Every structure is written in C-alpha cells, then in structure tokens.
Amino acid sequence: MNEQEIKDRIALGRAMITKFGYDEGVDDDYLTDQEMKKPQPPLAKAPMTDTAIDLPTRFQDLAIDADFLHIINSRKSHRVYTEEPMSLLALSYLLWCSQGVKEIRGKSYATIRTVPCGGARHEFECYLAVQNVEGLMPGLYHYLPLTHQIEFLDEKDALDDFVSFSLCEQAWVKKANVVFYYSCVFYRAEWRYGIWAHSPILMDAGHVTENLYLAATSIGLGGCAIAAVDPPLANEVFGLDGVEETIFYAMPVGTVKAEDKEKEDAFYAFVREEGL
C-alpha cells in the first residue's frame, strides 16, 4: 500500500465518523427504512437452540462495591487472572449490567436496557466462551436478553486455543473465566439510520464494554476489552454468516488479585525499555 492509498483509507475512516446524518453526495430525498415504514427487525435474536438456562438474579448476595467513585478510580484493564472459579451469579450480574433489558417500549418498538444506545436499537448480540464458571459446562453460549437466560451452543474442543486464536493469538486470554464476544446485527441500526448507521454502532459498542468494566470492578473481577478479533474464525465457530451479523469486539473477564500488579505492569515494560 503506497502513501496515497494509506491517506485515502484514513480519509474514508474519518468521513464515516464525521458525516453522521449528512453526506454531500446523497440526494435530499433519501429515506431510511424506518422513514419508509418498512417493518423493523426483531429486538433480539431468537434462540439458536432449545437449551436455555435461567440465570440467578439475587444480586444482593454479591459483595458489590457501593462506592461509585471508588469503582471509577479502581477500573483498569486486567490481563492477569488467578483462574479461580467465577460464580454463575457473578456472570449473570455482568450480563445484566452490560446488556440487560429493563423494559420494552411501545408494542415491541424498542428495548430499554442497562446501557444507552442510539435510537434504542441495541444492535449487539453477546456470545460467551465460558472456561471456568461454577455450574456451567465449559463451552460456547449465547445470551438471551429478553428472558435473561443463556443457551448452550457447543462444548468446543480446545476451548482455550479457540479464544486465543480468535483474539489474534493473545495467550493471556486463555486464563480468563469467560470471554464476551459481541456481534453486530447491522440491520437493527440500519433500519433506523440507514447509510449513516455505522458511526453510532461504534459509539454504542463503547457503552457496552464500559458497563462491563465497571460491573466487573464493582465485584472484584477484571477484564480487558479487545479490538484485535479474528471475525471469520469467531463467526464460523458461533455459526454467524459474517455479513448480516458479525463478531467484531470481545472482552475477557476473570478473577484477579492485587498481588498481581507487577505481572500486569509487565505488559507495559516496553514503555520503560523504549523510554516512552
């Protein structure tokens, strides 16, 4: 790729961010599918199997830090995990805090969730690679937000290798208790925002993982959001077409301890070594 091609690609990326709702080359009479009164897509993906598992919701049984400022100040990315078991209640809490449905607006017009989203479209699905959660068989799962359940998809041989390869061969993710994989069902956002949907999608993704960060911190867990995902591999394993729905973002979460600070700091040794 030559210098001009690089500049052109950068310009395209910047334009996607800056032209929400306005594009000089688009006719003034452009209408989105919502404006044309086309049927809206489902609020959430239908179950993929008949193996739904109810999640516990007695969150008062968790030792939740009630000091919000302490949570904000304590939040950081964690890449070192103790490999102690995570409780099913803790996993349920993380899912609720990052994708839970509080109510349905209108006649199934929109879900009101624990995270904000442009137009309340909530275009994401959450898939899980569960490695060490009490009461769950290690394997692949899918979150059902409308009923706050998870469904078991597959045992998946060499699960730790899959999570590593699907996250661009990062070895540290193998020790996470669970990896959250986020897919985007594009048309949920495109129905409302049409050709301008894709910039808000990226904003909405940040809302989800920040809630996951804060929820994990509030119960003494840690995680690290990752953009370095291999979509074709993850899509194949979770059975997604990669066109209408594709995995594009992930976040491993695990049990952590303060004594591992030196190991965490080792990930940034290059800062010292290169005098940055």
C-alpha atoms as a PDB file:
ATOM      1  CA  MET A   1       0.000   0.000   0.000  1.00  0.00           C
ATOM      2  CA  ASN A   2       1.524   3.285  -1.081  1.00  0.00           C
ATOM      3  CA  GLU A   3       1.342   6.584   0.785  1.00  0.00           C
ATOM      4  CA  GLN A   4      -1.626   7.907  -1.216  1.00  0.00           C
ATOM      5  CA  GLU A   5      -3.610   4.710  -0.659  1.00  0.00           C
ATOM      6  CA  ILE A   6      -2.964   4.991   3.065  1.00  0.00           C
ATOM      7  CA  LYS A   7      -4.179   8.603   3.063  1.00  0.00           C
ATOM      8  CA  ASP A   8      -7.299   7.618   1.125  1.00  0.00           C
ATOM      9  CA  ARG A   9      -8.141   4.856   3.604  1.00  0.00           C
ATOM     10  CA  ILE A  10      -7.660   7.227   6.531  1.00  0.00           C
ATOM     11  CA  ALA A  11      -9.906   9.799   4.855  1.00  0.00           C
ATOM     12  CA  LEU A  12     -12.662   7.214   4.409  1.00  0.00           C
ATOM     13  CA  GLY A  13     -12.457   6.271   8.070  1.00  0.00           C
ATOM     14  CA  ARG A  14     -12.603   9.881   9.191  1.00  0.00           C
ATOM     15  CA  ALA A  15     -15.573  10.546   6.919  1.00  0.00           C
ATOM     16  CA  MET A  16     -17.541   7.701   8.495  1.00  0.00           C
ATOM     17  CA  ILE A  17     -17.083   9.337  11.883  1.00  0.00           C
ATOM     18  CA  THR A  18     -17.830  12.913  10.850  1.00  0.00           C
ATOM     19  CA  LYS A  19     -20.706  12.583   8.363  1.00  0.00           C
ATOM     20  CA  PHE A  20     -23.470  11.167  10.536  1.00  0.00           C
ATOM     21  CA  GLY A  21     -26.775  12.337   9.056  1.00  0.00           C
ATOM     22  CA  TYR A  22     -25.069  14.406   6.375  1.00  0.00           C
ATOM     23  CA  ASP A  23     -23.326  13.435   3.163  1.00  0.00           C
ATOM     24  CA  GLU A  24     -22.936  15.925   0.347  1.00  0.00           C
ATOM     25  CA  GLY A  25     -23.300  13.225  -2.287  1.00  0.00           C
ATOM     26  CA  VAL A  26     -26.650  11.913  -1.036  1.00  0.00           C
ATOM     27  CA  ASP A  27     -29.943  13.099  -2.537  1.00  0.00           C
ATOM     28  CA  ASP A  28     -32.079  15.226  -0.238  1.00  0.00           C
ATOM     29  CA  ASP A  29     -34.933  12.758  -0.641  1.00  0.00           C
ATOM     30  CA  TYR A  30     -33.016   9.808   0.830  1.00  0.00           C
ATOM     31  CA  LEU A  31     -35.180   7.964   3.363  1.00  0.00           C
ATOM     32  CA  THR A  32     -34.243   5.274   5.836  1.00  0.00           C
ATOM     33  CA  ASP A  33     -36.277   2.079   6.047  1.00  0.00           C
ATOM     34  CA  GLN A  34     -37.895   3.351   9.230  1.00  0.00           C
ATOM     35  CA  GLU A  35     -38.949   6.537   7.447  1.00  0.00           C
ATOM     36  CA  MET A  36     -40.363   4.421   4.628  1.00  0.00           C
ATOM     37  CA  LYS A  37     -42.428   2.490   7.206  1.00  0.00           C
ATOM     38  CA  LYS A  38     -40.741  -0.820   6.470  1.00  0.00           C
ATOM     39  CA  PRO A  39     -41.085  -3.482   9.195  1.00  0.00           C
ATOM     40  CA  GLN A  40     -38.466  -3.156  11.877  1.00  0.00           C
ATOM     41  CA  PRO A  41     -36.147  -6.075  12.650  1.00  0.00           C
ATOM     42  CA  PRO A  42     -36.614  -8.160  15.830  1.00  0.00           C
ATOM     43  CA  LEU A  43     -35.465  -6.568  19.084  1.00  0.00           C
ATOM     44  CA  ALA A  44     -33.174  -9.518  19.786  1.00  0.00           C
ATOM     45  CA  LYS A  45     -32.064 -12.673  18.079  1.00  0.00           C
ATOM     46  CA  ALA A  46     -34.303 -15.681  18.505  1.00  0.00           C
ATOM     47  CA  PRO A  47     -32.893 -18.610  20.497  1.00  0.00           C
ATOM     48  CA  MET A  48     -30.496 -20.707  18.461  1.00  0.00           C
ATOM     49  CA  THR A  49     -31.168 -23.908  20.436  1.00  0.00           C
ATOM     50  CA  ASP A  50     -33.635 -25.354  22.943  1.00  0.00           C
ATOM     51  CA  THR A  51     -31.067 -25.346  25.773  1.00  0.00           C
ATOM     52  CA  ALA A  52     -31.928 -22.117  27.629  1.00  0.00           C
ATOM     53  CA  ILE A  53     -30.544 -21.838  31.157  1.00  0.00           C
ATOM     54  CA  ASP A  54     -32.156 -19.497  33.696  1.00  0.00           C
ATOM     55  CA  LEU A  55     -29.706 -17.101  35.305  1.00  0.00           C
ATOM     56  CA  PRO A  56     -29.876 -16.267  39.039  1.00  0.00           C
ATOM     57  CA  THR A  57     -30.794 -12.686  39.873  1.00  0.00           C
ATOM     58  CA  ARG A  58     -30.259 -12.351  43.645  1.00  0.00           C
ATOM     59  CA  PHE A  59     -27.579  -9.752  43.030  1.00  0.00           C
ATOM     60  CA  GLN A  60     -27.893  -8.623  46.644  1.00  0.00           C
ATOM     61  CA  ASP A  61     -25.976 -11.799  47.519  1.00  0.00           C
ATOM     62  CA  LEU A  62     -22.895 -10.436  45.751  1.00  0.00           C
ATOM     63  CA  ALA A  63     -20.375  -8.254  47.563  1.00  0.00           C
ATOM     64  CA  ILE A  64     -20.985  -5.225  45.341  1.00  0.00           C
ATOM     65  CA  ASP A  65     -18.909  -2.116  45.970  1.00  0.00           C
ATOM     66  CA  ALA A  66     -21.437   0.684  46.565  1.00  0.00           C
ATOM     67  CA  ASP A  67     -18.845   3.478  46.323  1.00  0.00           C
ATOM     68  CA  PHE A  68     -19.184   4.608  42.714  1.00  0.00           C
ATOM     69  CA  LEU A  69     -16.204   6.950  42.836  1.00  0.00           C
ATOM     70  CA  HIS A  70     -14.064   4.095  44.146  1.00  0.00           C
ATOM     71  CA  ILE A  71     -15.243   1.918  41.246  1.00  0.00           C
ATOM     72  CA  ILE A  72     -14.379   4.654  38.738  1.00  0.00           C
ATOM     73  CA  ASN A  73     -10.948   5.181  40.245  1.00  0.00           C
ATOM     74  CA  SER A  74     -10.251   1.439  40.519  1.00  0.00           C
ATOM     75  CA  ARG A  75     -11.310   0.494  36.997  1.00  0.00           C
ATOM     76  CA  LYS A  76      -8.459  -0.549  34.738  1.00  0.00           C
ATOM     77  CA  SER A  77      -7.673  -3.215  32.176  1.00  0.00           C
ATOM     78  CA  HIS A  78      -6.646  -6.591  33.609  1.00  0.00           C
ATOM     79  CA  ARG A  79      -4.784  -9.235  31.624  1.00  0.00           C
ATOM     80  CA  VAL A  80      -3.649 -11.440  34.528  1.00  0.00           C
ATOM     81  CA  TYR A  81      -6.213 -13.824  36.014  1.00  0.00           C
ATOM     82  CA  THR A  82      -5.991 -16.148  39.011  1.00  0.00           C
ATOM     83  CA  GLU A  83      -8.016 -18.978  37.392  1.00  0.00           C
ATOM     84  CA  GLU A  84     -10.208 -19.278  40.477  1.00  0.00           C
ATOM     85  CA  PRO A  85     -13.841 -20.128  39.627  1.00  0.00           C
ATOM     86  CA  MET A  86     -16.342 -17.376  38.884  1.00  0.00           C
ATOM     87  CA  SER A  87     -19.837 -17.848  40.261  1.00  0.00           C
ATOM     88  CA  LEU A  88     -22.846 -18.160  37.964  1.00  0.00           C
ATOM     89  CA  LEU A  89     -24.412 -15.279  39.895  1.00  0.00           C
ATOM     90  CA  ALA A  90     -21.423 -13.080  39.038  1.00  0.00           C
ATOM     91  CA  LEU A  91     -21.732 -13.955  35.345  1.00  0.00           C
ATOM     92  CA  SER A  92     -25.449 -13.206  35.486  1.00  0.00           C
ATOM     93  CA  TYR A  93     -24.697  -9.827  37.066  1.00  0.00           C
ATOM     94  CA  LEU A  94     -22.151  -8.963  34.363  1.00  0.00           C
ATOM     95  CA  LEU A  95     -24.616  -9.845  31.607  1.00  0.00           C
ATOM     96  CA  TRP A  96     -27.407  -7.869  33.254  1.00  0.00           C
ATOM     97  CA  CYS A  97     -25.253  -4.783  33.773  1.00  0.00           C
ATOM     98  CA  SER A  98     -23.978  -4.778  30.196  1.00  0.00           C
ATOM     99  CA  GLN A  99     -26.997  -5.935  28.125  1.00  0.00           C
ATOM    100  CA  GLY A 100     -29.971  -6.461  30.466  1.00  0.00           C
ATOM    101  CA  VAL A 101     -33.474  -5.471  29.315  1.00  0.00           C
ATOM    102  CA  LYS A 102     -35.293  -3.288  31.859  1.00  0.00           C
ATOM    103  CA  GLU A 103     -38.460  -2.766  29.836  1.00  0.00           C
ATOM    104  CA  ILE A 104     -39.902  -2.853  26.328  1.00  0.00           C
ATOM    105  CA  ARG A 105     -41.095   0.437  24.900  1.00  0.00           C
ATOM    106  CA  GLY A 106     -44.365   0.545  22.958  1.00  0.00           C
ATOM    107  CA  LYS A 107     -45.595  -2.515  21.072  1.00  0.00           C
ATOM    108  CA  SER A 108     -42.143  -4.087  20.853  1.00  0.00           C
ATOM    109  CA  TYR A 109     -40.713  -0.904  19.343  1.00  0.00           C
ATOM    110  CA  ALA A 110     -37.541  -0.864  21.437  1.00  0.00           C
ATOM    111  CA  THR A 111     -35.823  -2.375  24.438  1.00  0.00           C
ATOM    112  CA  ILE A 112     -34.750  -0.113  27.286  1.00  0.00           C
ATOM    113  CA  ARG A 113     -31.574  -1.660  28.616  1.00  0.00           C
ATOM    114  CA  THR A 114     -28.934  -1.096  31.257  1.00  0.00           C
ATOM    115  CA  VAL A 115     -26.739   0.600  28.613  1.00  0.00           C
ATOM    116  CA  PRO A 116     -27.574   3.529  26.337  1.00  0.00           C
ATOM    117  CA  CYS A 117     -27.812   3.053  22.581  1.00  0.00           C
ATOM    118  CA  GLY A 118     -28.548   5.322  19.628  1.00  0.00           C
ATOM    119  CA  GLY A 119     -32.262   5.135  18.869  1.00  0.00           C
ATOM    120  CA  ALA A 120     -32.561   2.312  21.407  1.00  0.00           C
ATOM    121  CA  ARG A 121     -31.658  -0.075  18.589  1.00  0.00           C
ATOM    122  CA  HIS A 122     -29.343  -2.263  20.687  1.00  0.00           C
ATOM    123  CA  GLU A 123     -27.798  -3.866  17.643  1.00  0.00           C
ATOM    124  CA  PHE A 124     -25.493  -6.210  19.533  1.00  0.00           C
ATOM    125  CA  GLU A 125     -25.682  -9.876  20.464  1.00  0.00           C
ATOM    126  CA  CYS A 126     -23.478 -11.321  23.185  1.00  0.00           C
ATOM    127  CA  TYR A 127     -21.810 -14.719  22.825  1.00  0.00           C
ATOM    128  CA  LEU A 128     -19.707 -16.343  25.518  1.00  0.00           C
ATOM    129  CA  ALA A 129     -16.751 -18.678  25.676  1.00  0.00           C
ATOM    130  CA  VAL A 130     -17.139 -19.995  29.220  1.00  0.00           C
ATOM    131  CA  GLN A 131     -13.964 -21.555  30.616  1.00  0.00           C
ATOM    132  CA  ASN A 132     -14.349 -21.503  34.394  1.00  0.00           C
ATOM    133  CA  VAL A 133     -17.792 -20.622  35.749  1.00  0.00           C
ATOM    134  CA  GLU A 134     -19.383 -22.630  38.555  1.00  0.00           C
ATOM    135  CA  GLY A 135     -22.376 -24.649  37.418  1.00  0.00           C
ATOM    136  CA  LEU A 136     -21.670 -24.292  33.692  1.00  0.00           C
ATOM    137  CA  MET A 137     -20.054 -26.762  31.331  1.00  0.00           C
ATOM    138  CA  PRO A 138     -17.078 -25.154  29.578  1.00  0.00           C
ATOM    139  CA  GLY A 139     -18.105 -24.221  26.070  1.00  0.00           C
ATOM    140  CA  LEU A 140     -19.904 -21.717  23.870  1.00  0.00           C
ATOM    141  CA  TYR A 141     -23.059 -19.877  24.916  1.00  0.00           C
ATOM    142  CA  HIS A 142     -25.411 -17.150  23.672  1.00  0.00           C
ATOM    143  CA  TYR A 143     -27.126 -14.569  25.890  1.00  0.00           C
ATOM    144  CA  LEU A 144     -30.923 -14.186  25.563  1.00  0.00           C
ATOM    145  CA  PRO A 145     -31.553 -10.659  26.894  1.00  0.00           C
ATOM    146  CA  LEU A 146     -35.350 -10.682  26.654  1.00  0.00           C
ATOM    147  CA  THR A 147     -35.562 -13.537  29.175  1.00  0.00           C
ATOM    148  CA  HIS A 148     -32.174 -13.076  30.914  1.00  0.00           C
ATOM    149  CA  GLN A 149     -31.061 -16.591  30.050  1.00  0.00           C
ATOM    150  CA  ILE A 150     -28.108 -18.147  28.302  1.00  0.00           C
ATOM    151  CA  GLU A 151     -28.284 -21.009  25.851  1.00  0.00           C
ATOM    152  CA  PHE A 152     -25.623 -23.657  25.466  1.00  0.00           C
ATOM    153  CA  LEU A 153     -24.330 -23.917  21.888  1.00  0.00           C
ATOM    154  CA  ASP A 154     -21.372 -26.292  21.849  1.00  0.00           C
ATOM    155  CA  GLU A 155     -18.681 -27.867  24.040  1.00  0.00           C
ATOM    156  CA  LYS A 156     -15.896 -26.813  21.634  1.00  0.00           C
ATOM    157  CA  ASP A 157     -12.717 -28.864  21.799  1.00  0.00           C
ATOM    158  CA  ALA A 158      -9.568 -26.962  22.809  1.00  0.00           C
ATOM    159  CA  LEU A 159     -11.608 -24.009  24.008  1.00  0.00           C
ATOM    160  CA  ASP A 160      -8.582 -22.124  25.335  1.00  0.00           C
ATOM    161  CA  ASP A 161      -6.882 -22.378  21.941  1.00  0.00           C
ATOM    162  CA  PHE A 162     -10.007 -21.032  20.251  1.00  0.00           C
ATOM    163  CA  VAL A 163     -10.190 -17.961  22.481  1.00  0.00           C
ATOM    164  CA  SER A 164      -6.511 -17.272  21.888  1.00  0.00           C
ATOM    165  CA  PHE A 165      -6.639 -17.682  18.104  1.00  0.00           C
ATOM    166  CA  SER A 166      -9.924 -15.779  17.806  1.00  0.00           C
ATOM    167  CA  LEU A 167      -8.305 -12.865  19.647  1.00  0.00           C
ATOM    168  CA  CYS A 168      -5.295 -12.733  17.334  1.00  0.00           C
ATOM    169  CA  GLU A 169      -3.199 -15.292  19.254  1.00  0.00           C
ATOM    170  CA  GLN A 170      -3.031 -13.399  22.536  1.00  0.00           C
ATOM    171  CA  ALA A 171      -2.019 -16.059  25.044  1.00  0.00           C
ATOM    172  CA  TRP A 172      -3.147 -14.309  28.233  1.00  0.00           C
ATOM    173  CA  VAL A 173      -6.834 -14.676  27.329  1.00  0.00           C
ATOM    174  CA  LYS A 174      -6.581 -18.436  27.912  1.00  0.00           C
ATOM    175  CA  LYS A 175      -6.795 -17.851  31.669  1.00  0.00           C
ATOM    176  CA  ALA A 176      -9.946 -15.715  31.593  1.00  0.00           C
ATOM    177  CA  ASN A 177     -13.015 -17.251  33.233  1.00  0.00           C
ATOM    178  CA  VAL A 178     -15.213 -16.112  30.364  1.00  0.00           C
ATOM    179  CA  VAL A 179     -14.750 -14.235  27.116  1.00  0.00           C
ATOM    180  CA  PHE A 180     -17.594 -11.982  25.986  1.00  0.00           C
ATOM    181  CA  TYR A 181     -17.859 -11.805  22.190  1.00  0.00           C
ATOM    182  CA  TYR A 182     -20.009  -9.042  20.743  1.00  0.00           C
ATOM    183  CA  SER A 183     -21.587  -9.322  17.331  1.00  0.00           C
ATOM    184  CA  CYS A 184     -23.387  -6.595  15.440  1.00  0.00           C
ATOM    185  CA  VAL A 185     -26.712  -7.311  13.745  1.00  0.00           C
ATOM    186  CA  PHE A 186     -26.302  -4.452  11.302  1.00  0.00           C
ATOM    187  CA  TYR A 187     -29.865  -4.021  10.100  1.00  0.00           C
ATOM    188  CA  ARG A 188     -31.159  -3.211  13.592  1.00  0.00           C
ATOM    189  CA  ALA A 189     -29.235   0.065  13.345  1.00  0.00           C
ATOM    190  CA  GLU A 190     -29.510   0.442   9.553  1.00  0.00           C
ATOM    191  CA  TRP A 191     -33.322   0.229   9.683  1.00  0.00           C
ATOM    192  CA  ARG A 192     -33.366   3.481  11.657  1.00  0.00           C
ATOM    193  CA  TYR A 193     -30.201   5.261  10.492  1.00  0.00           C
ATOM    194  CA  GLY A 194     -29.674   3.817   7.014  1.00  0.00           C
ATOM    195  CA  ILE A 195     -26.374   4.692   5.391  1.00  0.00           C
ATOM    196  CA  TRP A 196     -25.307   6.609   8.497  1.00  0.00           C
ATOM    197  CA  ALA A 197     -25.754   3.727  10.940  1.00  0.00           C
ATOM    198  CA  HIS A 198     -22.164   2.613  11.229  1.00  0.00           C
ATOM    199  CA  SER A 199     -20.659   5.504  13.151  1.00  0.00           C
ATOM    200  CA  PRO A 200     -23.203   5.227  16.017  1.00  0.00           C
ATOM    201  CA  ILE A 201     -22.610   1.472  16.120  1.00  0.00           C
ATOM    202  CA  LEU A 202     -19.027   2.080  17.216  1.00  0.00           C
ATOM    203  CA  MET A 203     -20.164   4.559  19.872  1.00  0.00           C
ATOM    204  CA  ASP A 204     -22.746   2.088  21.167  1.00  0.00           C
ATOM    205  CA  ALA A 205     -20.127  -0.669  21.472  1.00  0.00           C
ATOM    206  CA  GLY A 206     -18.151   1.506  23.879  1.00  0.00           C
ATOM    207  CA  HIS A 207     -21.183   1.915  26.116  1.00  0.00           C
ATOM    208  CA  VAL A 208     -21.494  -1.855  26.468  1.00  0.00           C
ATOM    209  CA  THR A 209     -17.908  -2.632  27.377  1.00  0.00           C
ATOM    210  CA  GLU A 210     -17.597   0.309  29.756  1.00  0.00           C
ATOM    211  CA  ASN A 211     -20.574  -1.006  31.692  1.00  0.00           C
ATOM    212  CA  LEU A 212     -18.914  -4.418  31.698  1.00  0.00           C
ATOM    213  CA  TYR A 213     -15.688  -2.892  33.003  1.00  0.00           C
ATOM    214  CA  LEU A 214     -17.498  -1.075  35.816  1.00  0.00           C
ATOM    215  CA  ALA A 215     -19.666  -4.059  36.743  1.00  0.00           C
ATOM    216  CA  ALA A 216     -16.633  -6.343  36.901  1.00  0.00           C
ATOM    217  CA  THR A 217     -14.734  -3.823  39.023  1.00  0.00           C
ATOM    218  CA  SER A 218     -17.667  -3.497  41.417  1.00  0.00           C
ATOM    219  CA  ILE A 219     -17.467  -7.195  42.352  1.00  0.00           C
ATOM    220  CA  GLY A 220     -13.687  -7.566  42.373  1.00  0.00           C
ATOM    221  CA  LEU A 221     -13.257  -9.010  38.882  1.00  0.00           C
ATOM    222  CA  GLY A 222     -11.219  -7.640  35.991  1.00  0.00           C
ATOM    223  CA  GLY A 223     -11.226  -7.615  32.228  1.00  0.00           C
ATOM    224  CA  CYS A 224      -9.800  -6.035  29.110  1.00  0.00           C
ATOM    225  CA  ALA A 225     -11.761  -5.018  26.018  1.00  0.00           C
ATOM    226  CA  ILE A 226     -10.100  -6.148  22.787  1.00  0.00           C
ATOM    227  CA  ALA A 227     -10.469  -4.887  19.228  1.00  0.00           C
ATOM    228  CA  ALA A 228      -7.949  -7.448  17.946  1.00  0.00           C
ATOM    229  CA  VAL A 229     -10.543 -10.038  16.958  1.00  0.00           C
ATOM    230  CA  ASP A 230     -10.467 -12.546  14.083  1.00  0.00           C
ATOM    231  CA  PRO A 231     -14.083 -12.208  12.814  1.00  0.00           C
ATOM    232  CA  PRO A 232     -14.037 -15.059  10.245  1.00  0.00           C
ATOM    233  CA  LEU A 233     -12.829 -17.563  12.846  1.00  0.00           C
ATOM    234  CA  ALA A 234     -15.214 -16.379  15.571  1.00  0.00           C
ATOM    235  CA  ASN A 235     -18.156 -16.227  13.152  1.00  0.00           C
ATOM    236  CA  GLU A 236     -17.529 -19.770  11.966  1.00  0.00           C
ATOM    237  CA  VAL A 237     -17.382 -21.142  15.498  1.00  0.00           C
ATOM    238  CA  PHE A 238     -20.533 -19.318  16.660  1.00  0.00           C
ATOM    239  CA  GLY A 239     -22.401 -20.065  13.438  1.00  0.00           C
ATOM    240  CA  LEU A 240     -22.758 -16.498  12.122  1.00  0.00           C
ATOM    241  CA  ASP A 241     -22.858 -15.513   8.462  1.00  0.00           C
ATOM    242  CA  GLY A 242     -20.328 -12.682   8.797  1.00  0.00           C
ATOM    243  CA  VAL A 243     -22.458 -10.424   6.570  1.00  0.00           C
ATOM    244  CA  GLU A 244     -25.735  -9.620   8.313  1.00  0.00           C
ATOM    245  CA  GLU A 245     -24.215 -10.443  11.689  1.00  0.00           C
ATOM    246  CA  THR A 246     -20.549 -10.488  12.567  1.00  0.00           C
ATOM    247  CA  ILE A 247     -18.449 -10.619  15.710  1.00  0.00           C
ATOM    248  CA  PHE A 248     -16.173  -7.585  15.900  1.00  0.00           C
ATOM    249  CA  TYR A 249     -15.344  -6.945  19.574  1.00  0.00           C
ATOM    250  CA  ALA A 250     -14.530  -9.010  22.659  1.00  0.00           C
ATOM    251  CA  MET A 251     -13.738  -8.730  26.339  1.00  0.00           C
ATOM    252  CA  PRO A 252     -12.162 -11.446  28.501  1.00  0.00           C
ATOM    253  CA  VAL A 253     -13.120 -11.238  32.184  1.00  0.00           C
ATOM    254  CA  GLY A 254     -11.634 -13.164  35.068  1.00  0.00           C
ATOM    255  CA  THR A 255     -10.811 -13.372  38.748  1.00  0.00           C
ATOM    256  CA  VAL A 256      -7.978 -11.054  39.789  1.00  0.00           C
ATOM    257  CA  LYS A 257      -5.914 -10.151  42.838  1.00  0.00           C
ATOM    258  CA  ALA A 258      -3.993  -7.039  43.803  1.00  0.00           C
ATOM    259  CA  GLU A 259      -0.789  -9.024  44.311  1.00  0.00           C
ATOM    260  CA  ASP A 260      -0.512  -9.481  40.540  1.00  0.00           C
ATOM    261  CA  LYS A 261       0.165  -5.792  39.899  1.00  0.00           C
ATOM    262  CA  GLU A 262       3.790  -6.472  38.885  1.00  0.00           C
ATOM    263  CA  LYS A 263       2.635  -9.044  36.346  1.00  0.00           C
ATOM    264  CA  GLU A 264       0.113  -6.560  34.988  1.00  0.00           C
ATOM    265  CA  ASP A 265       2.773  -3.870  34.772  1.00  0.00           C
ATOM    266  CA  ALA A 266       4.975  -6.249  32.767  1.00  0.00           C
ATOM    267  CA  PHE A 267       2.621  -5.794  29.805  1.00  0.00           C
ATOM    268  CA  TYR A 268       3.849  -2.198  29.645  1.00  0.00           C
ATOM    269  CA  ALA A 269       7.553  -2.931  30.073  1.00  0.00           C
ATOM    270  CA  PHE A 270       8.128  -1.560  26.569  1.00  0.00           C
ATOM    271  CA  VAL A 271       7.291   1.918  27.878  1.00  0.00           C
ATOM    272  CA  ARG A 272      10.331   1.828  30.147  1.00  0.00           C
ATOM    273  CA  GLU A 273      12.543  -0.035  27.703  1.00  0.00           C
ATOM    274  CA  GLU A 274      11.872   2.387  24.852  1.00  0.00           C
ATOM    275  CA  GLY A 275      11.914   5.482  27.070  1.00  0.00           C
ATOM    276  CA  LEU A 276       8.384   6.493  26.095  1.00  0.00           C
END
